[in-house]
Amino acid sequence: MPGCAAPVIVCPECKEILSPADIEGFWKCPYCNFAFDRDALLEDFVSSPLLQRWAGAAYSRMLRP
């Protein structure tokens, strides 16, 4: 949605700032290879860009006459 900040997470091992695209396929930090635990919060973090695009598309379809 417009105006929403892109979600980021900080690797607890190397302190790099990561986006969902950085960890969505491997669940590891691409900089230090830290393996993230797959929990509900991390699943939400990775899926948030997809859900935001879907919500934006659904909202724009609702606004059409």
Protein backbone atom coordinates (compact mmCIF):
# COMPACT_ATOMS: atom_id res chain seq x y z
CA MET A 1 0.00 0.00 0.00
CA PRO A 2 1.26 3.49 -0.65
CA GLY A 3 3.17 5.06 2.18
CA CYS A 4 4.07 1.77 3.87
CA ALA A 5 7.71 1.36 4.76
CA ALA A 6 9.45 -1.72 3.41
CA PRO A 7 9.84 -4.35 6.12
CA VAL A 8 13.36 -5.08 7.29
CA ILE A 9 14.96 -7.38 9.86
CA VAL A 10 18.41 -7.19 11.43
CA CYS A 11 20.49 -10.37 11.49
CA PRO A 12 21.25 -11.14 15.14
CA GLU A 13 24.68 -12.51 14.20
CA CYS A 14 26.26 -9.97 11.81
CA LYS A 15 23.80 -7.05 12.31
CA GLU A 16 23.16 -6.63 8.55
CA ILE A 17 19.79 -5.20 7.56
CA LEU A 18 17.84 -7.77 5.54
CA SER A 19 14.72 -7.56 3.42
CA PRO A 20 12.23 -10.40 2.94
CA ALA A 21 13.81 -11.17 -0.45
CA ASP A 22 17.16 -11.78 1.27
CA ILE A 23 15.88 -14.73 3.28
CA GLU A 24 12.69 -15.97 1.61
CA GLY A 25 14.21 -18.96 -0.15
CA PHE A 26 16.88 -20.19 2.22
CA TRP A 27 15.95 -18.82 5.68
CA LYS A 28 19.61 -17.89 6.19
CA CYS A 29 21.44 -14.59 6.30
CA PRO A 30 23.26 -14.19 2.95
CA TYR A 31 26.11 -12.37 4.69
CA CYS A 32 27.02 -14.68 7.59
CA ASN A 33 24.90 -17.80 6.92
CA PHE A 34 23.00 -17.45 10.23
CA ALA A 35 20.01 -19.84 10.14
CA PHE A 36 16.79 -18.17 11.24
CA ASP A 37 14.21 -20.20 13.17
CA ARG A 38 11.04 -20.58 11.12
CA ASP A 39 8.35 -19.16 13.34
CA ALA A 40 5.14 -17.23 12.75
CA LEU A 41 6.83 -13.82 12.98
CA LEU A 42 9.44 -14.71 10.37
CA GLU A 43 6.78 -16.23 8.09
CA ASP A 44 4.83 -12.95 8.32
CA PHE A 45 7.99 -10.96 7.59
CA VAL A 46 8.76 -12.96 4.45
CA SER A 47 5.18 -13.00 3.16
CA SER A 48 4.41 -9.31 3.90
CA PRO A 49 5.47 -7.93 0.46
CA LEU A 50 3.23 -10.45 -1.31
CA LEU A 51 0.31 -9.65 0.96
CA GLN A 52 0.81 -5.90 0.51
CA ARG A 53 0.77 -6.26 -3.30
CA TRP A 54 -2.35 -8.42 -3.11
CA ALA A 55 -4.12 -5.98 -0.79
CA GLY A 56 -3.16 -3.03 -3.01
CA ALA A 57 -4.50 -4.78 -6.11
CA ALA A 58 -7.73 -5.74 -4.35
CA TYR A 59 -8.18 -2.18 -3.07
CA SER A 60 -7.62 -0.68 -6.53
CA ARG A 61 -10.21 -3.07 -8.02
CA MET A 62 -12.73 -1.94 -5.39
CA LEU A 63 -12.25 1.70 -6.39
CA ARG A 64 -13.03 1.12 -10.07
CA PRO A 65 -16.53 2.16 -11.12
